Amino acid sequence: MAAIGLLILGAFVGYIILHGLFKITDWKNPIATLNGVLSAAVAGGLFTLISHLAQSQAGDSHVDRAIYFYPVGLGYGGLCRGLEWVGQGNMSVVKVLHLIAFALASLMVLALIFYPPVRQLLP
């Protein structure tokens, strides 16, 4: 259960970070820059909390393995945020590759959550 929670947390933080970076259009505008900085600060704070959680329950192998789901969630959240970009304008090779990467990542995330032999491949 900890693994699914960290995967979802990572996806949320990854989405928020990428959303903040997409919203920065003028680096001279302090409000837009603050958006990106706050996103990074939230991610850093959450990662510190996760590290503390892992150290406090160091004897539990489920929590130790669950830590690896957080960066997977970060990448998946970034891919999810990029889907808005895919729908804009004409289709190109890069957009098709993004859709293929999103589909493959979705299959991998589902396998990590629901298929125990794949989960056992984690260190």
PDB file of N, CA and C in Angstrom:
ATOM      1  N   MET A   1       0.811  -1.194   0.000  1.00  0.00           N
ATOM      2  CA  MET A   1       0.000   0.000   0.000  1.00  0.00           C
ATOM      3  C   MET A   1       0.862   1.268   0.000  1.00  0.00           C
ATOM      4  N   ALA A   2       2.007   1.193   0.662  1.00  0.00           N
ATOM      5  CA  ALA A   2       2.910   2.354   0.682  1.00  0.00           C
ATOM      6  C   ALA A   2       3.427   2.661  -0.716  1.00  0.00           C
ATOM      7  N   ALA A   3       3.662   1.611  -1.513  1.00  0.00           N
ATOM      8  CA  ALA A   3       4.174   1.815  -2.872  1.00  0.00           C
ATOM      9  C   ALA A   3       3.169   2.568  -3.730  1.00  0.00           C
ATOM     10  N   ILE A   4       1.904   2.210  -3.638  1.00  0.00           N
ATOM     11  CA  ILE A   4       0.884   2.893  -4.429  1.00  0.00           C
ATOM     12  C   ILE A   4       0.757   4.349  -3.980  1.00  0.00           C
ATOM     13  N   GLY A   5       0.837   4.580  -2.672  1.00  0.00           N
ATOM     14  CA  GLY A   5       0.758   5.944  -2.172  1.00  0.00           C
ATOM     15  C   GLY A   5       1.908   6.806  -2.658  1.00  0.00           C
ATOM     16  N   LEU A   6       3.119   6.249  -2.636  1.00  0.00           N
ATOM     17  CA  LEU A   6       4.272   7.020  -3.098  1.00  0.00           C
ATOM     18  C   LEU A   6       4.243   7.224  -4.607  1.00  0.00           C
ATOM     19  N   LEU A   7       3.723   6.260  -5.345  1.00  0.00           N
ATOM     20  CA  LEU A   7       3.588   6.419  -6.793  1.00  0.00           C
ATOM     21  C   LEU A   7       2.617   7.556  -7.112  1.00  0.00           C
ATOM     22  N   ILE A   8       1.501   7.588  -6.419  1.00  0.00           N
ATOM     23  CA  ILE A   8       0.516   8.649  -6.651  1.00  0.00           C
ATOM     24  C   ILE A   8       1.064  10.001  -6.204  1.00  0.00           C
ATOM     25  N   LEU A   9       1.765  10.020  -5.075  1.00  0.00           N
ATOM     26  CA  LEU A   9       2.373  11.258  -4.606  1.00  0.00           C
ATOM     27  C   LEU A   9       3.404  11.765  -5.608  1.00  0.00           C
ATOM     28  N   GLY A  10       4.223  10.869  -6.134  1.00  0.00           N
ATOM     29  CA  GLY A  10       5.205  11.257  -7.130  1.00  0.00           C
ATOM     30  C   GLY A  10       4.565  11.784  -8.399  1.00  0.00           C
ATOM     31  N   ALA A  11       3.487  11.130  -8.841  1.00  0.00           N
ATOM     32  CA  ALA A  11       2.795  11.595 -10.047  1.00  0.00           C
ATOM     33  C   ALA A  11       2.205  12.985  -9.822  1.00  0.00           C
ATOM     34  N   PHE A  12       1.644  13.219  -8.645  1.00  0.00           N
ATOM     35  CA  PHE A  12       1.080  14.533  -8.337  1.00  0.00           C
ATOM     36  C   PHE A  12       2.164  15.607  -8.340  1.00  0.00           C
ATOM     37  N   VAL A  13       3.259  15.351  -7.652  1.00  0.00           N
ATOM     38  CA  VAL A  13       4.338  16.341  -7.575  1.00  0.00           C
ATOM     39  C   VAL A  13       4.966  16.560  -8.955  1.00  0.00           C
ATOM     40  N   GLY A  14       5.162  15.484  -9.732  1.00  0.00           N
ATOM     41  CA  GLY A  14       5.705  15.625 -11.080  1.00  0.00           C
ATOM     42  C   GLY A  14       4.817  16.471 -11.968  1.00  0.00           C
ATOM     43  N   TYR A  15       3.512  16.273 -11.854  1.00  0.00           N
ATOM     44  CA  TYR A  15       2.556  17.065 -12.631  1.00  0.00           C
ATOM     45  C   TYR A  15       2.628  18.537 -12.229  1.00  0.00           C
ATOM     46  N   ILE A  16       2.663  18.794 -10.930  1.00  0.00           N
ATOM     47  CA  ILE A  16       2.699  20.175 -10.443  1.00  0.00           C
ATOM     48  C   ILE A  16       3.989  20.883 -10.868  1.00  0.00           C
ATOM     49  N   ILE A  17       5.115  20.182 -10.774  1.00  0.00           N
ATOM     50  CA  ILE A  17       6.394  20.794 -11.161  1.00  0.00           C
ATOM     51  C   ILE A  17       6.387  21.152 -12.642  1.00  0.00           C
ATOM     52  N   LEU A  18       5.969  20.213 -13.479  1.00  0.00           N
ATOM     53  CA  LEU A  18       5.958  20.490 -14.913  1.00  0.00           C
ATOM     54  C   LEU A  18       4.942  21.572 -15.256  1.00  0.00           C
ATOM     55  N   HIS A  19       3.828  21.586 -14.568  1.00  0.00           N
ATOM     56  CA  HIS A  19       2.826  22.634 -14.791  1.00  0.00           C
ATOM     57  C   HIS A  19       3.419  24.000 -14.450  1.00  0.00           C
ATOM     58  N   GLY A  20       4.143  24.083 -13.332  1.00  0.00           N
ATOM     59  CA  GLY A  20       4.783  25.338 -12.956  1.00  0.00           C
ATOM     60  C   GLY A  20       5.817  25.787 -13.979  1.00  0.00           C
ATOM     61  N   LEU A  21       6.578  24.828 -14.498  1.00  0.00           N
ATOM     62  CA  LEU A  21       7.591  25.187 -15.495  1.00  0.00           C
ATOM     63  C   LEU A  21       6.970  25.612 -16.818  1.00  0.00           C
ATOM     64  N   PHE A  22       5.840  25.003 -17.191  1.00  0.00           N
ATOM     65  CA  PHE A  22       5.166  25.419 -18.424  1.00  0.00           C
ATOM     66  C   PHE A  22       4.572  26.818 -18.291  1.00  0.00           C
ATOM     67  N   LYS A  23       4.182  27.192 -17.087  1.00  0.00           N
ATOM     68  CA  LYS A  23       3.546  28.488 -16.888  1.00  0.00           C
ATOM     69  C   LYS A  23       4.545  29.639 -16.868  1.00  0.00           C
ATOM     70  N   ILE A  24       5.831  29.365 -16.717  1.00  0.00           N
ATOM     71  CA  ILE A  24       6.834  30.431 -16.735  1.00  0.00           C
ATOM     72  C   ILE A  24       7.098  30.801 -18.191  1.00  0.00           C
ATOM     73  N   THR A  25       6.563  31.932 -18.587  1.00  0.00           N
ATOM     74  CA  THR A  25       6.772  32.400 -19.961  1.00  0.00           C
ATOM     75  C   THR A  25       7.721  33.590 -19.993  1.00  0.00           C
ATOM     76  N   ASP A  26       7.700  34.400 -18.962  1.00  0.00           N
ATOM     77  CA  ASP A  26       8.563  35.575 -18.888  1.00  0.00           C
ATOM     78  C   ASP A  26       9.371  35.486 -17.605  1.00  0.00           C
ATOM     79  N   TRP A  27      10.666  35.226 -17.738  1.00  0.00           N
ATOM     80  CA  TRP A  27      11.515  35.038 -16.558  1.00  0.00           C
ATOM     81  C   TRP A  27      11.744  36.341 -15.806  1.00  0.00           C
ATOM     82  N   LYS A  28      11.334  37.469 -16.375  1.00  0.00           N
ATOM     83  CA  LYS A  28      11.464  38.743 -15.672  1.00  0.00           C
ATOM     84  C   LYS A  28      10.283  39.000 -14.752  1.00  0.00           C
ATOM     85  N   ASN A  29       9.220  38.228 -14.924  1.00  0.00           N
ATOM     86  CA  ASN A  29       8.028  38.379 -14.092  1.00  0.00           C
ATOM     87  C   ASN A  29       8.216  37.552 -12.814  1.00  0.00           C
ATOM     88  N   PRO A  30       8.274  38.188 -11.655  1.00  0.00           N
ATOM     89  CA  PRO A  30       8.561  37.436 -10.428  1.00  0.00           C
ATOM     90  C   PRO A  30       7.447  36.468 -10.019  1.00  0.00           C
ATOM     91  N   ILE A  31       6.211  36.736 -10.380  1.00  0.00           N
ATOM     92  CA  ILE A  31       5.116  35.839 -10.006  1.00  0.00           C
ATOM     93  C   ILE A  31       5.266  34.511 -10.745  1.00  0.00           C
ATOM     94  N   ALA A  32       5.572  34.553 -12.015  1.00  0.00           N
ATOM     95  CA  ALA A  32       5.738  33.321 -12.780  1.00  0.00           C
ATOM     96  C   ALA A  32       6.940  32.528 -12.271  1.00  0.00           C
ATOM     97  N   THR A  33       8.018  33.211 -11.963  1.00  0.00           N
ATOM     98  CA  THR A  33       9.200  32.532 -11.438  1.00  0.00           C
ATOM     99  C   THR A  33       8.897  31.918 -10.078  1.00  0.00           C
ATOM    100  N   LEU A  34       8.122  32.620  -9.253  1.00  0.00           N
ATOM    101  CA  LEU A  34       7.749  32.113  -7.942  1.00  0.00           C
ATOM    102  C   LEU A  34       6.945  30.822  -8.067  1.00  0.00           C
ATOM    103  N   ASN A  35       6.104  30.737  -9.084  1.00  0.00           N
ATOM    104  CA  ASN A  35       5.348  29.506  -9.342  1.00  0.00           C
ATOM    105  C   ASN A  35       6.276  28.307  -9.489  1.00  0.00           C
ATOM    106  N   GLY A  36       7.294  28.448 -10.304  1.00  0.00           N
ATOM    107  CA  GLY A  36       8.236  27.353 -10.523  1.00  0.00           C
ATOM    108  C   GLY A  36       9.048  27.025  -9.290  1.00  0.00           C
ATOM    109  N   VAL A  37       9.460  28.058  -8.563  1.00  0.00           N
ATOM    110  CA  VAL A  37      10.255  27.831  -7.360  1.00  0.00           C
ATOM    111  C   VAL A  37       9.423  27.129  -6.292  1.00  0.00           C
ATOM    112  N   LEU A  38       8.177  27.526  -6.126  1.00  0.00           N
ATOM    113  CA  LEU A  38       7.314  26.871  -5.146  1.00  0.00           C
ATOM    114  C   LEU A  38       7.089  25.403  -5.498  1.00  0.00           C
ATOM    115  N   SER A  39       6.950  25.113  -6.767  1.00  0.00           N
ATOM    116  CA  SER A  39       6.794  23.719  -7.177  1.00  0.00           C
ATOM    117  C   SER A  39       8.010  22.904  -6.796  1.00  0.00           C
ATOM    118  N   ALA A  40       9.189  23.444  -7.047  1.00  0.00           N
ATOM    119  CA  ALA A  40      10.415  22.723  -6.695  1.00  0.00           C
ATOM    120  C   ALA A  40      10.556  22.585  -5.186  1.00  0.00           C
ATOM    121  N   ALA A  41      10.158  23.607  -4.444  1.00  0.00           N
ATOM    122  CA  ALA A  41      10.258  23.545  -2.980  1.00  0.00           C
ATOM    123  C   ALA A  41       9.316  22.484  -2.413  1.00  0.00           C
ATOM    124  N   VAL A  42       8.122  22.403  -2.953  1.00  0.00           N
ATOM    125  CA  VAL A  42       7.184  21.380  -2.495  1.00  0.00           C
ATOM    126  C   VAL A  42       7.750  19.992  -2.767  1.00  0.00           C
ATOM    127  N   ALA A  43       8.332  19.814  -3.929  1.00  0.00           N
ATOM    128  CA  ALA A  43       8.913  18.510  -4.257  1.00  0.00           C
ATOM    129  C   ALA A  43      10.068  18.173  -3.322  1.00  0.00           C
ATOM    130  N   GLY A  44      10.915  19.133  -3.035  1.00  0.00           N
ATOM    131  CA  GLY A  44      12.028  18.885  -2.127  1.00  0.00           C
ATOM    132  C   GLY A  44      11.550  18.564  -0.719  1.00  0.00           C
ATOM    133  N   GLY A  45      10.540  19.277  -0.256  1.00  0.00           N
ATOM    134  CA  GLY A  45       9.990  19.004   1.073  1.00  0.00           C
ATOM    135  C   GLY A  45       9.355  17.634   1.170  1.00  0.00           C
ATOM    136  N   LEU A  46       8.649  17.242   0.142  1.00  0.00           N
ATOM    137  CA  LEU A  46       8.039  15.913   0.151  1.00  0.00           C
ATOM    138  C   LEU A  46       9.093  14.816   0.100  1.00  0.00           C
ATOM    139  N   PHE A  47      10.155  15.041  -0.661  1.00  0.00           N
ATOM    140  CA  PHE A  47      11.197  14.025  -0.723  1.00  0.00           C
ATOM    141  C   PHE A  47      11.887  13.873   0.628  1.00  0.00           C
ATOM    142  N   THR A  48      12.065  14.988   1.334  1.00  0.00           N
ATOM    143  CA  THR A  48      12.642  14.917   2.676  1.00  0.00           C
ATOM    144  C   THR A  48      11.731  14.132   3.608  1.00  0.00           C
ATOM    145  N   LEU A  49      10.447  14.359   3.504  1.00  0.00           N
ATOM    146  CA  LEU A  49       9.487  13.614   4.328  1.00  0.00           C
ATOM    147  C   LEU A  49       9.550  12.122   4.013  1.00  0.00           C
ATOM    148  N   ILE A  50       9.672  11.793   2.747  1.00  0.00           N
ATOM    149  CA  ILE A  50       9.741  10.385   2.357  1.00  0.00           C
ATOM    150  C   ILE A  50      11.024   9.750   2.882  1.00  0.00           C
ATOM    151  N   SER A  51      12.132  10.474   2.811  1.00  0.00           N
ATOM    152  CA  SER A  51      13.392   9.945   3.346  1.00  0.00           C
ATOM    153  C   SER A  51      13.284   9.700   4.842  1.00  0.00           C
ATOM    154  N   HIS A  52      12.642  10.611   5.544  1.00  0.00           N
ATOM    155  CA  HIS A  52      12.453  10.443   6.986  1.00  0.00           C
ATOM    156  C   HIS A  52      11.574   9.228   7.273  1.00  0.00           C
ATOM    157  N   LEU A  53      10.538   9.045   6.475  1.00  0.00           N
ATOM    158  CA  LEU A  53       9.663   7.890   6.643  1.00  0.00           C
ATOM    159  C   LEU A  53      10.436   6.593   6.436  1.00  0.00           C
ATOM    160  N   ALA A  54      11.313   6.574   5.469  1.00  0.00           N
ATOM    161  CA  ALA A  54      12.107   5.368   5.205  1.00  0.00           C
ATOM    162  C   ALA A  54      13.071   5.086   6.345  1.00  0.00           C
ATOM    163  N   GLN A  55      13.662   6.117   6.908  1.00  0.00           N
ATOM    164  CA  GLN A  55      14.606   5.912   8.003  1.00  0.00           C
ATOM    165  C   GLN A  55      13.903   5.501   9.278  1.00  0.00           C
ATOM    166  N   SER A  56      12.668   5.982   9.489  1.00  0.00           N
ATOM    167  CA  SER A  56      11.976   5.655  10.726  1.00  0.00           C
ATOM    168  C   SER A  56      11.475   4.217  10.725  1.00  0.00           C
ATOM    169  N   GLN A  57      11.267   3.645   9.564  1.00  0.00           N
ATOM    170  CA  GLN A  57      10.803   2.264   9.463  1.00  0.00           C
ATOM    171  C   GLN A  57      11.813   1.442   8.682  1.00  0.00           C
ATOM    172  N   ALA A  58      13.073   1.560   9.033  1.00  0.00           N
ATOM    173  CA  ALA A  58      14.155   0.943   8.259  1.00  0.00           C
ATOM    174  C   ALA A  58      14.059  -0.574   8.240  1.00  0.00           C
ATOM    175  N   GLY A  59      13.426  -1.182   9.228  1.00  0.00           N
ATOM    176  CA  GLY A  59      13.341  -2.629   9.250  1.00  0.00           C
ATOM    177  C   GLY A  59      12.269  -3.191   8.333  1.00  0.00           C
ATOM    178  N   ASP A  60      11.388  -2.348   7.820  1.00  0.00           N
ATOM    179  CA  ASP A  60      10.270  -2.805   6.982  1.00  0.00           C
ATOM    180  C   ASP A  60      10.693  -2.768   5.517  1.00  0.00           C
ATOM    181  N   SER A  61      10.796  -3.936   4.889  1.00  0.00           N
ATOM    182  CA  SER A  61      11.255  -3.990   3.499  1.00  0.00           C
ATOM    183  C   SER A  61      10.214  -3.423   2.536  1.00  0.00           C
ATOM    184  N   HIS A  62       8.929  -3.439   2.914  1.00  0.00           N
ATOM    185  CA  HIS A  62       7.902  -2.877   2.035  1.00  0.00           C
ATOM    186  C   HIS A  62       8.088  -1.367   1.875  1.00  0.00           C
ATOM    187  N   VAL A  63       8.431  -0.685   2.964  1.00  0.00           N
ATOM    188  CA  VAL A  63       8.648   0.758   2.877  1.00  0.00           C
ATOM    189  C   VAL A  63       9.935   1.051   2.107  1.00  0.00           C
ATOM    190  N   ASP A  64      10.961   0.231   2.319  1.00  0.00           N
ATOM    191  CA  ASP A  64      12.208   0.428   1.581  1.00  0.00           C
ATOM    192  C   ASP A  64      11.990   0.293   0.078  1.00  0.00           C
ATOM    193  N   ARG A  65      11.223  -0.675  -0.337  1.00  0.00           N
ATOM    194  CA  ARG A  65      10.936  -0.841  -1.773  1.00  0.00           C
ATOM    195  C   ARG A  65       9.997   0.226  -2.286  1.00  0.00           C
ATOM    196  N   ALA A  66       9.126   0.709  -1.435  1.00  0.00           N
ATOM    197  CA  ALA A  66       8.155   1.722  -1.858  1.00  0.00           C
ATOM    198  C   ALA A  66       8.829   3.022  -2.247  1.00  0.00           C
ATOM    199  N   ILE A  67       9.999   3.306  -1.697  1.00  0.00           N
ATOM    200  CA  ILE A  67      10.723   4.542  -2.016  1.00  0.00           C
ATOM    201  C   ILE A  67      10.995   4.629  -3.516  1.00  0.00           C
ATOM    202  N   TYR A  68      11.208   3.505  -4.182  1.00  0.00           N
ATOM    203  CA  TYR A  68      11.526   3.502  -5.609  1.00  0.00           C
ATOM    204  C   TYR A  68      10.322   3.863  -6.481  1.00  0.00           C
ATOM    205  N   PHE A  69       9.136   3.843  -5.916  1.00  0.00           N
ATOM    206  CA  PHE A  69       7.954   4.197  -6.689  1.00  0.00           C
ATOM    207  C   PHE A  69       7.798   5.709  -6.826  1.00  0.00           C
ATOM    208  N   TYR A  70       8.418   6.485  -5.936  1.00  0.00           N
ATOM    209  CA  TYR A  70       8.286   7.943  -5.992  1.00  0.00           C
ATOM    210  C   TYR A  70       8.882   8.530  -7.277  1.00  0.00           C
ATOM    211  N   PRO A  71      10.129   8.207  -7.651  1.00  0.00           N
ATOM    212  CA  PRO A  71      10.644   8.770  -8.898  1.00  0.00           C
ATOM    213  C   PRO A  71       9.906   8.259 -10.136  1.00  0.00           C
ATOM    214  N   VAL A  72       9.384   7.039 -10.065  1.00  0.00           N
ATOM    215  CA  VAL A  72       8.569   6.535 -11.174  1.00  0.00           C
ATOM    216  C   VAL A  72       7.327   7.410 -11.314  1.00  0.00           C
ATOM    217  N   GLY A  73       6.731   7.757 -10.194  1.00  0.00           N
ATOM    218  CA  GLY A  73       5.565   8.639 -10.208  1.00  0.00           C
ATOM    219  C   GLY A  73       5.894  10.030 -10.723  1.00  0.00           C
ATOM    220  N   LEU A  74       7.093  10.540 -10.390  1.00  0.00           N
ATOM    221  CA  LEU A  74       7.492  11.860 -10.902  1.00  0.00           C
ATOM    222  C   LEU A  74       7.532  11.865 -12.428  1.00  0.00           C
ATOM    223  N   GLY A  75       8.163  10.850 -12.994  1.00  0.00           N
ATOM    224  CA  GLY A  75       8.237  10.766 -14.456  1.00  0.00           C
ATOM    225  C   GLY A  75       6.870  10.583 -15.091  1.00  0.00           C
ATOM    226  N   TYR A  76       6.050   9.768 -14.459  1.00  0.00           N
ATOM    227  CA  TYR A  76       4.717   9.517 -14.996  1.00  0.00           C
ATOM    228  C   TYR A  76       3.849  10.777 -14.921  1.00  0.00           C
ATOM    229  N   GLY A  77       3.981  11.525 -13.836  1.00  0.00           N
ATOM    230  CA  GLY A  77       3.243  12.784 -13.721  1.00  0.00           C
ATOM    231  C   GLY A  77       3.661  13.781 -14.792  1.00  0.00           C
ATOM    232  N   GLY A  78       4.959  13.808 -15.102  1.00  0.00           N
ATOM    233  CA  GLY A  78       5.430  14.677 -16.174  1.00  0.00           C
ATOM    234  C   GLY A  78       4.860  14.278 -17.528  1.00  0.00           C
ATOM    235  N   LEU A  79       4.801  12.975 -17.775  1.00  0.00           N
ATOM    236  CA  LEU A  79       4.200  12.503 -19.029  1.00  0.00           C
ATOM    237  C   LEU A  79       2.718  12.857 -19.100  1.00  0.00           C
ATOM    238  N   CYS A  80       2.027  12.746 -17.969  1.00  0.00           N
ATOM    239  CA  CYS A  80       0.600  13.096 -17.933  1.00  0.00           C
ATOM    240  C   CYS A  80       0.398  14.580 -18.230  1.00  0.00           C
ATOM    241  N   ARG A  81       1.245  15.426 -17.686  1.00  0.00           N
ATOM    242  CA  ARG A  81       1.122  16.871 -17.927  1.00  0.00           C
ATOM    243  C   ARG A  81       1.407  17.194 -19.391  1.00  0.00           C
ATOM    244  N   GLY A  82       2.256  16.430 -20.015  1.00  0.00           N
ATOM    245  CA  GLY A  82       2.581  16.666 -21.415  1.00  0.00           C
ATOM    246  C   GLY A  82       1.462  16.302 -22.373  1.00  0.00           C
ATOM    247  N   LEU A  83       0.462  15.585 -21.909  1.00  0.00           N
ATOM    248  CA  LEU A  83      -0.640  15.213 -22.803  1.00  0.00           C
ATOM    249  C   LEU A  83      -1.432  16.426 -23.269  1.00  0.00           C
ATOM    250  N   GLU A  84      -1.472  17.482 -22.478  1.00  0.00           N
ATOM    251  CA  GLU A  84      -2.159  18.700 -22.900  1.00  0.00           C
ATOM    252  C   GLU A  84      -1.468  19.290 -24.124  1.00  0.00           C
ATOM    253  N   TRP A  85      -0.148  19.232 -24.143  1.00  0.00           N
ATOM    254  CA  TRP A  85       0.633  19.755 -25.259  1.00  0.00           C
ATOM    255  C   TRP A  85       0.398  18.935 -26.525  1.00  0.00           C
ATOM    256  N   VAL A  86       0.179  17.641 -26.387  1.00  0.00           N
ATOM    257  CA  VAL A  86      -0.007  16.769 -27.552  1.00  0.00           C
ATOM    258  C   VAL A  86      -1.270  17.144 -28.312  1.00  0.00           C
ATOM    259  N   GLY A  87      -2.300  17.579 -27.607  1.00  0.00           N
ATOM    260  CA  GLY A  87      -3.570  17.904 -28.252  1.00  0.00           C
ATOM    261  C   GLY A  87      -3.596  19.235 -28.963  1.00  0.00           C
ATOM    262  N   GLN A  88      -2.561  20.032 -28.854  1.00  0.00           N
ATOM    263  CA  GLN A  88      -2.547  21.350 -29.466  1.00  0.00           C
ATOM    264  C   GLN A  88      -1.823  21.312 -30.807  1.00  0.00           C
ATOM    265  N   GLY A  89      -2.410  21.926 -31.806  1.00  0.00           N
ATOM    266  CA  GLY A  89      -1.756  22.044 -33.105  1.00  0.00           C
ATOM    267  C   GLY A  89      -1.784  20.744 -33.902  1.00  0.00           C
ATOM    268  N   ASN A  90      -0.923  20.697 -34.908  1.00  0.00           N
ATOM    269  CA  ASN A  90      -0.848  19.529 -35.781  1.00  0.00           C
ATOM    270  C   ASN A  90      -0.049  18.405 -35.129  1.00  0.00           C
ATOM    271  N   MET A  91      -0.355  17.188 -35.535  1.00  0.00           N
ATOM    272  CA  MET A  91       0.396  16.035 -35.036  1.00  0.00           C
ATOM    273  C   MET A  91       1.764  15.999 -35.694  1.00  0.00           C
ATOM    274  N   SER A  92       2.757  15.662 -34.888  1.00  0.00           N
ATOM    275  CA  SER A  92       4.113  15.530 -35.408  1.00  0.00           C
ATOM    276  C   SER A  92       4.702  14.235 -34.866  1.00  0.00           C
ATOM    277  N   VAL A  93       5.889  13.930 -35.313  1.00  0.00           N
ATOM    278  CA  VAL A  93       6.557  12.705 -34.876  1.00  0.00           C
ATOM    279  C   VAL A  93       6.825  12.749 -33.371  1.00  0.00           C
ATOM    280  N   VAL A  94       7.193  13.916 -32.868  1.00  0.00           N
ATOM    281  CA  VAL A  94       7.494  14.048 -31.438  1.00  0.00           C
ATOM    282  C   VAL A  94       6.232  13.798 -30.606  1.00  0.00           C
ATOM    283  N   LYS A  95       5.095  14.286 -31.068  1.00  0.00           N
ATOM    284  CA  LYS A  95       3.846  14.086 -30.338  1.00  0.00           C
ATOM    285  C   LYS A  95       3.425  12.623 -30.355  1.00  0.00           C
ATOM    286  N   VAL A  96       3.626  11.960 -31.473  1.00  0.00           N
ATOM    287  CA  VAL A  96       3.320  10.528 -31.546  1.00  0.00           C
ATOM    288  C   VAL A  96       4.238   9.743 -30.614  1.00  0.00           C
ATOM    289  N   LEU A  97       5.509  10.112 -30.580  1.00  0.00           N
ATOM    290  CA  LEU A  97       6.449   9.456 -29.661  1.00  0.00           C
ATOM    291  C   LEU A  97       6.054   9.695 -28.206  1.00  0.00           C
ATOM    292  N   HIS A  98       5.548  10.879 -27.911  1.00  0.00           N
ATOM    293  CA  HIS A  98       5.092  11.166 -26.551  1.00  0.00           C
ATOM    294  C   HIS A  98       3.903  10.275 -26.190  1.00  0.00           C
ATOM    295  N   LEU A  99       2.970  10.110 -27.102  1.00  0.00           N
ATOM    296  CA  LEU A  99       1.823   9.230 -26.846  1.00  0.00           C
ATOM    297  C   LEU A  99       2.261   7.782 -26.651  1.00  0.00           C
ATOM    298  N   ILE A 100       3.217   7.328 -27.439  1.00  0.00           N
ATOM    299  CA  ILE A 100       3.730   5.961 -27.286  1.00  0.00           C
ATOM    300  C   ILE A 100       4.429   5.812 -25.943  1.00  0.00           C
ATOM    301  N   ALA A 101       5.232   6.815 -25.561  1.00  0.00           N
ATOM    302  CA  ALA A 101       5.913   6.763 -24.260  1.00  0.00           C
ATOM    303  C   ALA A 101       4.905   6.763 -23.122  1.00  0.00           C
ATOM    304  N   PHE A 102       3.830   7.541 -23.249  1.00  0.00           N
ATOM    305  CA  PHE A 102       2.807   7.568 -22.210  1.00  0.00           C
ATOM    306  C   PHE A 102       2.107   6.212 -22.101  1.00  0.00           C
ATOM    307  N   ALA A 103       1.804   5.603 -23.232  1.00  0.00           N
ATOM    308  CA  ALA A 103       1.147   4.288 -23.206  1.00  0.00           C
ATOM    309  C   ALA A 103       2.059   3.232 -22.584  1.00  0.00           C
ATOM    310  N   LEU A 104       3.330   3.226 -22.962  1.00  0.00           N
ATOM    311  CA  LEU A 104       4.272   2.267 -22.374  1.00  0.00           C
ATOM    312  C   LEU A 104       4.469   2.516 -20.880  1.00  0.00           C
ATOM    313  N   ALA A 105       4.564   3.777 -20.489  1.00  0.00           N
ATOM    314  CA  ALA A 105       4.719   4.099 -19.065  1.00  0.00           C
ATOM    315  C   ALA A 105       3.480   3.680 -18.279  1.00  0.00           C
ATOM    316  N   SER A 106       2.307   3.849 -18.872  1.00  0.00           N
ATOM    317  CA  SER A 106       1.075   3.427 -18.194  1.00  0.00           C
ATOM    318  C   SER A 106       1.062   1.920 -17.988  1.00  0.00           C
ATOM    319  N   LEU A 107       1.497   1.174 -18.987  1.00  0.00           N
ATOM    320  CA  LEU A 107       1.564  -0.284 -18.839  1.00  0.00           C
ATOM    321  C   LEU A 107       2.582  -0.686 -17.781  1.00  0.00           C
ATOM    322  N   MET A 108       3.722   0.011 -17.750  1.00  0.00           N
ATOM    323  CA  MET A 108       4.737  -0.303 -16.746  1.00  0.00           C
ATOM    324  C   MET A 108       4.248   0.023 -15.332  1.00  0.00           C
ATOM    325  N   VAL A 109       3.562   1.139 -15.176  1.00  0.00           N
ATOM    326  CA  VAL A 109       3.035   1.504 -13.857  1.00  0.00           C
ATOM    327  C   VAL A 109       1.991   0.490 -13.408  1.00  0.00           C
ATOM    328  N   LEU A 110       1.123   0.091 -14.304  1.00  0.00           N
ATOM    329  CA  LEU A 110       0.124  -0.925 -13.959  1.00  0.00           C
ATOM    330  C   LEU A 110       0.788  -2.251 -13.582  1.00  0.00           C
ATOM    331  N   ALA A 111       1.847  -2.616 -14.304  1.00  0.00           N
ATOM    332  CA  ALA A 111       2.562  -3.852 -13.973  1.00  0.00           C
ATOM    333  C   ALA A 111       3.240  -3.740 -12.609  1.00  0.00           C
ATOM    334  N   LEU A 112       3.810  -2.576 -12.304  1.00  0.00           N
ATOM    335  CA  LEU A 112       4.444  -2.383 -11.001  1.00  0.00           C
ATOM    336  C   LEU A 112       3.438  -2.472  -9.860  1.00  0.00           C
ATOM    337  N   ILE A 113       2.238  -1.997 -10.105  1.00  0.00           N
ATOM    338  CA  ILE A 113       1.236  -1.998  -9.039  1.00  0.00           C
ATOM    339  C   ILE A 113       0.582  -3.368  -8.886  1.00  0.00           C
ATOM    340  N   PHE A 114       0.206  -3.986  -9.983  1.00  0.00           N
ATOM    341  CA  PHE A 114      -0.661  -5.155  -9.906  1.00  0.00           C
ATOM    342  C   PHE A 114       0.014  -6.501 -10.162  1.00  0.00           C
ATOM    343  N   TYR A 115       1.243  -6.527 -10.650  1.00  0.00           N
ATOM    344  CA  TYR A 115       1.879  -7.794 -10.995  1.00  0.00           C
ATOM    345  C   TYR A 115       3.080  -8.026 -10.076  1.00  0.00           C
ATOM    346  N   PRO A 116       2.940  -8.876  -9.052  1.00  0.00           N
ATOM    347  CA  PRO A 116       4.003  -9.054  -8.055  1.00  0.00           C
ATOM    348  C   PRO A 116       5.369  -9.464  -8.612  1.00  0.00           C
ATOM    349  N   PRO A 117       5.478 -10.319  -9.647  1.00  0.00           N
ATOM    350  CA  PRO A 117       6.836 -10.634 -10.152  1.00  0.00           C
ATOM    351  C   PRO A 117       7.594  -9.407 -10.671  1.00  0.00           C
ATOM    352  N   VAL A 118       6.885  -8.437 -11.237  1.00  0.00           N
ATOM    353  CA  VAL A 118       7.551  -7.225 -11.696  1.00  0.00           C
ATOM    354  C   VAL A 118       7.973  -6.392 -10.486  1.00  0.00           C
ATOM    355  N   ARG A 119       7.142  -6.338  -9.467  1.00  0.00           N
ATOM    356  CA  ARG A 119       7.467  -5.587  -8.246  1.00  0.00           C
ATOM    357  C   ARG A 119       8.691  -6.176  -7.543  1.00  0.00           C
ATOM    358  N   GLN A 120       8.888  -7.460  -7.651  1.00  0.00           N
ATOM    359  CA  GLN A 120      10.034  -8.097  -6.991  1.00  0.00           C
ATOM    360  C   GLN A 120      11.350  -7.800  -7.697  1.00  0.00           C
ATOM    361  N   LEU A 121      11.296  -7.258  -8.896  1.00  0.00           N
ATOM    362  CA  LEU A 121      12.522  -6.875  -9.602  1.00  0.00           C
ATOM    363  C   LEU A 121      13.169  -5.628  -8.998  1.00  0.00           C
ATOM    364  N   LEU A 122      12.401  -4.891  -8.204  1.00  0.00           N
ATOM    365  CA  LEU A 122      12.952  -3.690  -7.560  1.00  0.00           C
ATOM    366  C   LEU A 122      13.982  -4.100  -6.511  1.00  0.00           C
ATOM    367  N   PRO A 123      15.023  -3.273  -6.335  1.00  0.00           N
ATOM    368  CA  PRO A 123      16.035  -3.604  -5.317  1.00  0.00           C
ATOM    369  C   PRO A 123      15.471  -3.559  -3.911  1.00  0.00           C
TER     370      PRO A 123
END
